[in-house]
Each structure stands twice: as structure tokens, then as C-alpha cells.
PDB file of N, CA and C in Angstrom:
ATOM      1  N   MET A   1       7.115  21.274 -23.629  1.00  0.00           N
ATOM      2  CA  MET A   1       5.766  21.216 -23.133  1.00  0.00           C
ATOM      3  C   MET A   1       4.785  22.615 -23.436  1.00  0.00           C
ATOM      4  N   GLY A   2       3.591  22.234 -23.740  1.00  0.00           N
ATOM      5  CA  GLY A   2       2.747  23.546 -24.120  1.00  0.00           C
ATOM      6  C   GLY A   2       2.396  24.535 -23.089  1.00  0.00           C
ATOM      7  N   LYS A   3       1.791  25.449 -23.262  1.00  0.00           N
ATOM      8  CA  LYS A   3       1.302  26.409 -22.196  1.00  0.00           C
ATOM      9  C   LYS A   3       0.320  25.670 -21.326  1.00  0.00           C
ATOM     10  N   HIS A   4      -0.533  24.743 -21.882  1.00  0.00           N
ATOM     11  CA  HIS A   4      -1.627  24.287 -21.180  1.00  0.00           C
ATOM     12  C   HIS A   4      -1.466  22.727 -20.904  1.00  0.00           C
ATOM     13  N   SER A   5      -0.201  22.325 -20.978  1.00  0.00           N
ATOM     14  CA  SER A   5       0.237  20.750 -20.528  1.00  0.00           C
ATOM     15  C   SER A   5      -0.225  20.765 -19.096  1.00  0.00           C
ATOM     16  N   ARG A   6      -0.674  19.408 -18.750  1.00  0.00           N
ATOM     17  CA  ARG A   6      -0.902  18.944 -17.560  1.00  0.00           C
ATOM     18  C   ARG A   6       0.576  18.325 -17.159  1.00  0.00           C
ATOM     19  N   PRO A   7       0.977  18.795 -15.806  1.00  0.00           N
ATOM     20  CA  PRO A   7       2.333  18.165 -15.257  1.00  0.00           C
ATOM     21  C   PRO A   7       2.212  16.676 -14.931  1.00  0.00           C
ATOM     22  N   GLY A   8       3.169  15.971 -15.116  1.00  0.00           N
ATOM     23  CA  GLY A   8       3.066  14.539 -14.849  1.00  0.00           C
ATOM     24  C   GLY A   8       3.341  13.663 -15.949  1.00  0.00           C
ATOM     25  N   PRO A   9       3.537  12.371 -15.701  1.00  0.00           N
ATOM     26  CA  PRO A   9       3.691  11.303 -16.898  1.00  0.00           C
ATOM     27  C   PRO A   9       2.421  11.452 -17.697  1.00  0.00           C
ATOM     28  N   PRO A  10       2.711  11.289 -19.160  1.00  0.00           N
ATOM     29  CA  PRO A  10       1.280  11.346 -19.937  1.00  0.00           C
ATOM     30  C   PRO A  10       0.791  10.009 -19.814  1.00  0.00           C
ATOM     31  N   ASN A  11       1.165   8.928 -19.387  1.00  0.00           N
ATOM     32  CA  ASN A  11       0.596   7.563 -19.332  1.00  0.00           C
ATOM     33  C   ASN A  11      -0.199   7.547 -18.039  1.00  0.00           C
ATOM     34  N   GLN A  12      -0.492   8.635 -17.224  1.00  0.00           N
ATOM     35  CA  GLN A  12      -1.391   8.500 -15.861  1.00  0.00           C
ATOM     36  C   GLN A  12      -2.529   9.491 -16.203  1.00  0.00           C
ATOM     37  N   PRO A  13      -3.716   9.029 -15.688  1.00  0.00           N
ATOM     38  CA  PRO A  13      -4.975   9.818 -15.738  1.00  0.00           C
ATOM     39  C   PRO A  13      -4.497  10.973 -14.636  1.00  0.00           C
ATOM     40  N   SER A  14      -5.336  12.159 -15.060  1.00  0.00           N
ATOM     41  CA  SER A  14      -5.392  13.291 -14.102  1.00  0.00           C
ATOM     42  C   SER A  14      -6.051  12.888 -12.881  1.00  0.00           C
ATOM     43  N   ARG A  15      -5.517  13.345 -11.635  1.00  0.00           N
ATOM     44  CA  ARG A  15      -6.176  13.120 -10.389  1.00  0.00           C
ATOM     45  C   ARG A  15      -7.129  14.294 -10.142  1.00  0.00           C
ATOM     46  N   ALA A  16      -7.201  15.204 -11.046  1.00  0.00           N
ATOM     47  CA  ALA A  16      -8.217  16.397 -10.733  1.00  0.00           C
ATOM     48  C   ALA A  16      -9.843  16.021 -11.164  1.00  0.00           C
ATOM     49  N   ALA A  17      -9.943  15.087 -11.943  1.00  0.00           N
ATOM     50  CA  ALA A  17     -11.287  14.688 -12.214  1.00  0.00           C
ATOM     51  C   ALA A  17     -11.497  13.324 -11.992  1.00  0.00           C
ATOM     52  N   ALA A  18     -12.406  12.945 -10.990  1.00  0.00           N
ATOM     53  CA  ALA A  18     -12.688  11.484 -10.595  1.00  0.00           C
ATOM     54  C   ALA A  18     -13.497  10.682 -11.685  1.00  0.00           C
ATOM     55  N   PRO A  19     -13.161   9.557 -11.851  1.00  0.00           N
ATOM     56  CA  PRO A  19     -13.888   8.744 -12.949  1.00  0.00           C
ATOM     57  C   PRO A  19     -15.459   8.437 -12.183  1.00  0.00           C
ATOM     58  N   VAL A  20     -16.402   8.720 -13.069  1.00  0.00           N
ATOM     59  CA  VAL A  20     -17.801   8.672 -12.730  1.00  0.00           C
ATOM     60  C   VAL A  20     -18.384   7.607 -13.280  1.00  0.00           C
ATOM     61  N   ASP A  21     -19.122   6.719 -12.750  1.00  0.00           N
ATOM     62  CA  ASP A  21     -19.787   5.593 -13.237  1.00  0.00           C
ATOM     63  C   ASP A  21     -21.393   6.174 -13.606  1.00  0.00           C
ATOM     64  N   PRO A  22     -21.684   6.156 -14.878  1.00  0.00           N
ATOM     65  CA  PRO A  22     -22.803   6.778 -15.342  1.00  0.00           C
ATOM     66  C   PRO A  22     -23.933   5.866 -14.976  1.00  0.00           C
ATOM     67  N   SER A  23     -23.908   4.662 -14.739  1.00  0.00           N
ATOM     68  CA  SER A  23     -25.096   3.784 -14.204  1.00  0.00           C
ATOM     69  C   SER A  23     -25.351   4.122 -12.695  1.00  0.00           C
ATOM     70  N   ASP A  24     -24.532   4.817 -11.965  1.00  0.00           N
ATOM     71  CA  ASP A  24     -24.794   4.947 -10.579  1.00  0.00           C
ATOM     72  C   ASP A  24     -25.510   6.231 -10.389  1.00  0.00           C
ATOM     73  N   PRO A  25     -26.823   6.296  -9.888  1.00  0.00           N
ATOM     74  CA  PRO A  25     -27.582   7.309  -9.683  1.00  0.00           C
ATOM     75  C   PRO A  25     -26.822   8.453  -8.561  1.00  0.00           C
ATOM     76  N   LEU A  26     -26.211   7.927  -7.916  1.00  0.00           N
ATOM     77  CA  LEU A  26     -25.386   9.023  -6.833  1.00  0.00           C
ATOM     78  C   LEU A  26     -24.201   9.401  -7.067  1.00  0.00           C
ATOM     79  N   ALA A  27     -23.653   8.904  -8.250  1.00  0.00           N
ATOM     80  CA  ALA A  27     -22.306   9.214  -8.652  1.00  0.00           C
ATOM     81  C   ALA A  27     -21.998  10.870  -8.437  1.00  0.00           C
ATOM     82  N   PRO A  28     -22.869  11.682  -8.977  1.00  0.00           N
ATOM     83  CA  PRO A  28     -22.451  12.941  -8.732  1.00  0.00           C
ATOM     84  C   PRO A  28     -22.065  13.514  -7.412  1.00  0.00           C
ATOM     85  N   TYR A  29     -23.182  12.861  -6.372  1.00  0.00           N
ATOM     86  CA  TYR A  29     -23.037  13.123  -4.992  1.00  0.00           C
ATOM     87  C   TYR A  29     -21.704  12.637  -4.491  1.00  0.00           C
ATOM     88  N   GLU A  30     -21.322  11.425  -4.920  1.00  0.00           N
ATOM     89  CA  GLU A  30     -20.242  10.717  -4.175  1.00  0.00           C
ATOM     90  C   GLU A  30     -19.080  11.622  -4.967  1.00  0.00           C
ATOM     91  N   LYS A  31     -18.938  12.169  -5.995  1.00  0.00           N
ATOM     92  CA  LYS A  31     -17.686  12.844  -6.521  1.00  0.00           C
ATOM     93  C   LYS A  31     -17.554  13.997  -5.654  1.00  0.00           C
ATOM     94  N   ARG A  32     -18.620  14.690  -5.160  1.00  0.00           N
ATOM     95  CA  ARG A  32     -18.471  15.998  -4.407  1.00  0.00           C
ATOM     96  C   ARG A  32     -18.016  15.515  -3.005  1.00  0.00           C
ATOM     97  N   ARG A  33     -18.158  14.295  -2.566  1.00  0.00           N
ATOM     98  CA  ARG A  33     -17.812  13.886  -1.044  1.00  0.00           C
ATOM     99  C   ARG A  33     -16.402  13.572  -1.048  1.00  0.00           C
ATOM    100  N   ARG A  34     -15.670  13.475  -2.345  1.00  0.00           N
ATOM    101  CA  ARG A  34     -14.349  12.930  -2.040  1.00  0.00           C
ATOM    102  C   ARG A  34     -13.316  14.407  -1.790  1.00  0.00           C
ATOM    103  N   PRO A  35     -12.164  14.090  -0.925  1.00  0.00           N
ATOM    104  CA  PRO A  35     -11.465  15.175  -0.632  1.00  0.00           C
ATOM    105  C   PRO A  35     -10.685  15.720  -1.646  1.00  0.00           C
ATOM    106  N   PRO A  36     -10.188  17.004  -1.511  1.00  0.00           N
ATOM    107  CA  PRO A  36      -9.388  17.421  -2.494  1.00  0.00           C
ATOM    108  C   PRO A  36      -8.143  16.574  -2.834  1.00  0.00           C
ATOM    109  N   LEU A  37      -8.016  16.247  -4.024  1.00  0.00           N
ATOM    110  CA  LEU A  37      -6.637  15.435  -4.403  1.00  0.00           C
ATOM    111  C   LEU A  37      -6.390  14.295  -3.482  1.00  0.00           C
ATOM    112  N   ASP A  38      -7.661  13.620  -3.024  1.00  0.00           N
ATOM    113  CA  ASP A  38      -7.651  12.228  -2.418  1.00  0.00           C
ATOM    114  C   ASP A  38      -6.913  12.256  -1.041  1.00  0.00           C
ATOM    115  N   ILE A  39      -6.771  13.482  -0.397  1.00  0.00           N
ATOM    116  CA  ILE A  39      -5.932  13.447   0.758  1.00  0.00           C
ATOM    117  C   ILE A  39      -6.941  13.511   1.899  1.00  0.00           C
ATOM    118  N   TYR A  40      -6.895  12.175   2.566  1.00  0.00           N
ATOM    119  CA  TYR A  40      -7.892  11.925   3.666  1.00  0.00           C
ATOM    120  C   TYR A  40      -7.406  12.439   5.007  1.00  0.00           C
ATOM    121  N   ARG A  41      -6.088  12.532   5.146  1.00  0.00           N
ATOM    122  CA  ARG A  41      -5.558  13.192   6.529  1.00  0.00           C
ATOM    123  C   ARG A  41      -4.616  14.074   6.086  1.00  0.00           C
ATOM    124  N   ARG A  42      -4.504  15.139   6.797  1.00  0.00           N
ATOM    125  CA  ARG A  42      -3.479  16.168   6.770  1.00  0.00           C
ATOM    126  C   ARG A  42      -3.224  16.878   7.920  1.00  0.00           C
ATOM    127  N   HIS A  43      -1.992  17.579   8.134  1.00  0.00           N
ATOM    128  CA  HIS A  43      -1.605  18.285   9.330  1.00  0.00           C
ATOM    129  C   HIS A  43      -1.149  19.647   8.891  1.00  0.00           C
ATOM    130  N   ARG A  44      -1.576  20.689   9.883  1.00  0.00           N
ATOM    131  CA  ARG A  44      -1.183  22.026   9.626  1.00  0.00           C
ATOM    132  C   ARG A  44      -0.449  22.494  11.004  1.00  0.00           C
ATOM    133  N   PRO A  45       0.454  23.548  10.960  1.00  0.00           N
ATOM    134  CA  PRO A  45       1.198  24.136  11.926  1.00  0.00           C
ATOM    135  C   PRO A  45       0.153  24.766  12.784  1.00  0.00           C
ATOM    136  N   LEU A  46       0.047  24.734  14.315  1.00  0.00           N
ATOM    137  CA  LEU A  46      -0.811  25.486  15.003  1.00  0.00           C
ATOM    138  C   LEU A  46      -0.640  26.934  14.869  1.00  0.00           C
ATOM    139  N   HIS A  47       0.501  27.248  14.836  1.00  0.00           N
ATOM    140  CA  HIS A  47       0.766  28.733  14.574  1.00  0.00           C
ATOM    141  C   HIS A  47       0.963  29.425  13.423  1.00  0.00           C
ATOM    142  N   GLY A  48       0.416  28.776  12.421  1.00  0.00           N
ATOM    143  CA  GLY A  48       0.347  29.222  11.006  1.00  0.00           C
ATOM    144  C   GLY A  48       1.721  29.046  10.358  1.00  0.00           C
ATOM    145  N   GLY A  49       2.004  29.687   9.167  1.00  0.00           N
ATOM    146  CA  GLY A  49       3.023  29.553   8.347  1.00  0.00           C
ATOM    147  C   GLY A  49       3.118  28.079   7.476  1.00  0.00           C
ATOM    148  N   ALA A  50       4.056  27.936   6.707  1.00  0.00           N
ATOM    149  CA  ALA A  50       4.271  26.863   5.903  1.00  0.00           C
ATOM    150  C   ALA A  50       4.676  25.760   6.912  1.00  0.00           C
ATOM    151  N   GLY A  51       4.015  24.464   6.371  1.00  0.00           N
ATOM    152  CA  GLY A  51       4.108  23.360   7.030  1.00  0.00           C
ATOM    153  C   GLY A  51       5.496  22.462   7.373  1.00  0.00           C
ATOM    154  N   HIS A  52       6.627  23.021   6.314  1.00  0.00           N
ATOM    155  CA  HIS A  52       7.961  22.495   6.426  1.00  0.00           C
ATOM    156  C   HIS A  52       8.643  23.108   7.269  1.00  0.00           C
ATOM    157  N   LEU A  53       8.180  24.446   7.704  1.00  0.00           N
ATOM    158  CA  LEU A  53       9.228  25.288   8.603  1.00  0.00           C
ATOM    159  C   LEU A  53       8.955  24.974  10.105  1.00  0.00           C
ATOM    160  N   ARG A  54       9.926  25.226  10.844  1.00  0.00           N
ATOM    161  CA  ARG A  54       9.881  24.922  12.353  1.00  0.00           C
ATOM    162  C   ARG A  54       9.406  23.587  12.773  1.00  0.00           C
ATOM    163  N   PRO A  55      10.104  22.489  12.316  1.00  0.00           N
ATOM    164  CA  PRO A  55       9.561  21.133  12.488  1.00  0.00           C
ATOM    165  C   PRO A  55       9.406  20.737  13.780  1.00  0.00           C
ATOM    166  N   GLU A  56       9.901  21.604  14.871  1.00  0.00           N
ATOM    167  CA  GLU A  56       9.634  21.169  16.443  1.00  0.00           C
ATOM    168  C   GLU A  56       8.679  21.919  16.825  1.00  0.00           C
ATOM    169  N   GLU A  57       7.619  22.443  16.198  1.00  0.00           N
ATOM    170  CA  GLU A  57       6.428  22.958  16.820  1.00  0.00           C
ATOM    171  C   GLU A  57       5.357  21.978  16.511  1.00  0.00           C
ATOM    172  N   PRO A  58       4.256  22.179  17.473  1.00  0.00           N
ATOM    173  CA  PRO A  58       3.097  21.280  17.203  1.00  0.00           C
ATOM    174  C   PRO A  58       2.310  21.487  16.186  1.00  0.00           C
ATOM    175  N   ARG A  59       1.606  20.534  15.668  1.00  0.00           N
ATOM    176  CA  ARG A  59       0.857  20.485  14.499  1.00  0.00           C
ATOM    177  C   ARG A  59      -0.680  19.958  14.775  1.00  0.00           C
ATOM    178  N   ALA A  60      -1.647  20.833  14.148  1.00  0.00           N
ATOM    179  CA  ALA A  60      -3.073  20.280  14.142  1.00  0.00           C
ATOM    180  C   ALA A  60      -3.167  19.192  13.084  1.00  0.00           C
ATOM    181  N   LEU A  61      -3.791  18.222  13.515  1.00  0.00           N
ATOM    182  CA  LEU A  61      -4.107  16.771  12.628  1.00  0.00           C
ATOM    183  C   LEU A  61      -5.631  16.986  12.223  1.00  0.00           C
ATOM    184  N   GLU A  62      -5.953  16.816  10.964  1.00  0.00           N
ATOM    185  CA  GLU A  62      -7.173  16.976  10.392  1.00  0.00           C
ATOM    186  C   GLU A  62      -7.525  15.609   9.615  1.00  0.00           C
ATOM    187  N   GLU A  63      -8.613  15.259   9.527  1.00  0.00           N
ATOM    188  CA  GLU A  63      -9.160  14.178   8.868  1.00  0.00           C
ATOM    189  C   GLU A  63     -10.588  14.576   8.021  1.00  0.00           C
ATOM    190  N   TRP A  64     -10.541  14.024   6.762  1.00  0.00           N
ATOM    191  CA  TRP A  64     -11.669  14.224   6.007  1.00  0.00           C
ATOM    192  C   TRP A  64     -12.858  13.431   6.360  1.00  0.00           C
ATOM    193  N   ASP A  65     -13.965  14.033   6.606  1.00  0.00           N
ATOM    194  CA  ASP A  65     -15.227  13.609   7.073  1.00  0.00           C
ATOM    195  C   ASP A  65     -16.300  13.432   6.036  1.00  0.00           C
ATOM    196  N   GLY A  66     -16.061  13.646   4.867  1.00  0.00           N
ATOM    197  CA  GLY A  66     -17.023  13.652   3.730  1.00  0.00           C
ATOM    198  C   GLY A  66     -17.525  14.698   3.357  1.00  0.00           C
ATOM    199  N   PHE A  67     -17.225  15.956   4.140  1.00  0.00           N
ATOM    200  CA  PHE A  67     -17.695  17.111   3.622  1.00  0.00           C
ATOM    201  C   PHE A  67     -16.669  18.456   3.980  1.00  0.00           C
ATOM    202  N   THR A  68     -15.898  18.006   4.807  1.00  0.00           N
ATOM    203  CA  THR A  68     -14.695  19.069   5.126  1.00  0.00           C
ATOM    204  C   THR A  68     -13.745  18.306   6.268  1.00  0.00           C
ATOM    205  N   TYR A  69     -12.583  19.225   6.243  1.00  0.00           N
ATOM    206  CA  TYR A  69     -11.610  18.519   7.271  1.00  0.00           C
ATOM    207  C   TYR A  69     -11.915  18.832   8.757  1.00  0.00           C
ATOM    208  N   ALA A  70     -12.088  17.721   9.469  1.00  0.00           N
ATOM    209  CA  ALA A  70     -12.265  17.912  10.955  1.00  0.00           C
ATOM    210  C   ALA A  70     -11.090  17.988  11.732  1.00  0.00           C
ATOM    211  N   PRO A  71     -10.969  18.574  12.899  1.00  0.00           N
ATOM    212  CA  PRO A  71      -9.880  18.245  13.703  1.00  0.00           C
ATOM    213  C   PRO A  71      -9.885  16.889  14.334  1.00  0.00           C
ATOM    214  N   ALA A  72      -8.713  16.166  14.434  1.00  0.00           N
ATOM    215  CA  ALA A  72      -8.364  14.939  14.674  1.00  0.00           C
ATOM    216  C   ALA A  72      -7.638  14.703  16.020  1.00  0.00           C
ATOM    217  N   GLY A  73      -6.979  15.857  16.371  1.00  0.00           N
ATOM    218  CA  GLY A  73      -6.004  15.899  17.317  1.00  0.00           C
ATOM    219  C   GLY A  73      -4.956  16.636  17.237  1.00  0.00           C
ATOM    220  N   THR A  74      -3.720  16.610  18.014  1.00  0.00           N
ATOM    221  CA  THR A  74      -2.472  17.267  17.788  1.00  0.00           C
ATOM    222  C   THR A  74      -1.272  16.382  17.890  1.00  0.00           C
ATOM    223  N   ALA A  75      -0.331  17.030  17.247  1.00  0.00           N
ATOM    224  CA  ALA A  75       1.073  15.978  17.287  1.00  0.00           C
ATOM    225  C   ALA A  75       2.073  17.025  17.723  1.00  0.00           C
ATOM    226  N   PRO A  76       3.216  16.489  18.560  1.00  0.00           N
ATOM    227  CA  PRO A  76       4.025  17.414  19.158  1.00  0.00           C
ATOM    228  C   PRO A  76       5.094  18.047  18.376  1.00  0.00           C
ATOM    229  N   ASP A  77       5.418  17.431  17.082  1.00  0.00           N
ATOM    230  CA  ASP A  77       6.306  17.832  16.164  1.00  0.00           C
ATOM    231  C   ASP A  77       5.904  17.195  14.532  1.00  0.00           C
ATOM    232  N   LEU A  78       6.735  17.729  13.822  1.00  0.00           N
ATOM    233  CA  LEU A  78       6.278  17.460  12.178  1.00  0.00           C
ATOM    234  C   LEU A  78       6.631  15.922  11.896  1.00  0.00           C
ATOM    235  N   ALA A  79       7.552  15.377  12.767  1.00  0.00           N
ATOM    236  CA  ALA A  79       7.772  13.865  12.407  1.00  0.00           C
ATOM    237  C   ALA A  79       6.668  13.102  12.872  1.00  0.00           C
ATOM    238  N   SER A  80       6.055  13.342  13.887  1.00  0.00           N
ATOM    239  CA  SER A  80       4.911  12.488  14.390  1.00  0.00           C
ATOM    240  C   SER A  80       3.702  12.890  13.724  1.00  0.00           C
ATOM    241  N   ALA A  81       3.446  14.059  13.260  1.00  0.00           N
ATOM    242  CA  ALA A  81       2.496  14.494  12.337  1.00  0.00           C
ATOM    243  C   ALA A  81       2.585  13.757  11.006  1.00  0.00           C
ATOM    244  N   VAL A  82       3.657  13.546  10.474  1.00  0.00           N
ATOM    245  CA  VAL A  82       3.946  12.901   9.205  1.00  0.00           C
ATOM    246  C   VAL A  82       3.504  11.535   9.296  1.00  0.00           C
ATOM    247  N   SER A  83       4.181  10.963  10.326  1.00  0.00           N
ATOM    248  CA  SER A  83       3.774   9.436  10.616  1.00  0.00           C
ATOM    249  C   SER A  83       2.141   9.151  10.870  1.00  0.00           C
ATOM    250  N   TRP A  84       1.563   9.873  11.555  1.00  0.00           N
ATOM    251  CA  TRP A  84       0.207   9.971  11.605  1.00  0.00           C
ATOM    252  C   TRP A  84      -0.641   9.855  10.137  1.00  0.00           C
ATOM    253  N   VAL A  85      -0.159  10.918   9.347  1.00  0.00           N
ATOM    254  CA  VAL A  85      -0.802  10.928   8.112  1.00  0.00           C
ATOM    255  C   VAL A  85      -0.630   9.799   7.358  1.00  0.00           C
ATOM    256  N   ALA A  86       0.482   9.101   7.324  1.00  0.00           N
ATOM    257  CA  ALA A  86       0.886   8.003   6.631  1.00  0.00           C
ATOM    258  C   ALA A  86       0.518   6.458   7.149  1.00  0.00           C
ATOM    259  N   GLN A  87      -0.062   6.524   8.361  1.00  0.00           N
ATOM    260  CA  GLN A  87      -0.403   5.304   9.109  1.00  0.00           C
ATOM    261  C   GLN A  87      -1.552   4.718   8.215  1.00  0.00           C
ATOM    262  N   THR A  88      -2.766   5.011   8.375  1.00  0.00           N
ATOM    263  CA  THR A  88      -3.975   4.413   7.632  1.00  0.00           C
ATOM    264  C   THR A  88      -4.547   5.241   6.713  1.00  0.00           C
ATOM    265  N   GLU A  89      -4.323   5.189   5.518  1.00  0.00           N
ATOM    266  CA  GLU A  89      -5.090   6.081   4.766  1.00  0.00           C
ATOM    267  C   GLU A  89      -6.283   5.364   4.223  1.00  0.00           C
ATOM    268  N   PRO A  90      -7.477   6.075   4.476  1.00  0.00           N
ATOM    269  CA  PRO A  90      -8.591   5.280   3.974  1.00  0.00           C
ATOM    270  C   PRO A  90      -8.812   4.899   2.647  1.00  0.00           C
ATOM    271  N   GLU A  91      -9.441   3.807   2.295  1.00  0.00           N
ATOM    272  CA  GLU A  91      -9.707   3.381   0.872  1.00  0.00           C
ATOM    273  C   GLU A  91     -10.627   4.406   0.267  1.00  0.00           C
ATOM    274  N   PRO A  92     -10.357   4.801  -0.988  1.00  0.00           N
ATOM    275  CA  PRO A  92     -11.374   5.575  -1.739  1.00  0.00           C
ATOM    276  C   PRO A  92     -12.479   4.866  -1.861  1.00  0.00           C
ATOM    277  N   ARG A  93     -13.609   5.597  -2.086  1.00  0.00           N
ATOM    278  CA  ARG A  93     -14.873   5.144  -2.127  1.00  0.00           C
ATOM    279  C   ARG A  93     -15.144   4.630  -3.645  1.00  0.00           C
ATOM    280  N   GLN A  94     -15.786   3.452  -3.831  1.00  0.00           N
ATOM    281  CA  GLN A  94     -16.046   3.012  -5.036  1.00  0.00           C
ATOM    282  C   GLN A  94     -17.489   3.405  -5.655  1.00  0.00           C
TER     283      GLN A  94
END
């Protein structure tokens, strides 16, 4: 692989750049409202540090609201936080 190669399979498009419909006048606005890497829900440790360390500690749950990640609640441990993230991922906007 070259110095500037994108990681991942060569037959899949990059997730860094969203496809933009040139006929849609609001396309640039919608592009900015997408969450980073299409992650609509995430969890963070309440006491800082890496997310995979200390799985028994509580987690803060955050959900993308179109502009930023907003607090959505707490989870008592890593397992329940991961299950919350995987429950219902919203469909990406078209």
C-alpha cells in the first residue's frame, strides 16, 4: 500500500465524503448535519478514559440531534451501553 492509500477494501466507497445530489438545493446543508462517520448513538465513560477500560463503570449515553451529540441518559455498565447503541440506529437522511 502506498503512503496515502485509504484503509479498507478497494471496492467500497469512502465513508468520509457523503454523496451529494447536485439537484438538491439543500444538499450542502444536509451534508453538514450528518454525524461524524454516520454514528448516531455513542457512549462515553462518565469518569473519563478509554471506552473499553473498566467495563463495570457507568457510561454516559449520547445521541446525534442534527448539530451535536446530546445527552440521552446513562447506562450502569459497558454491556448495557453497547446494547443501547445497537438497538435502533436511525436511518441516514436521503
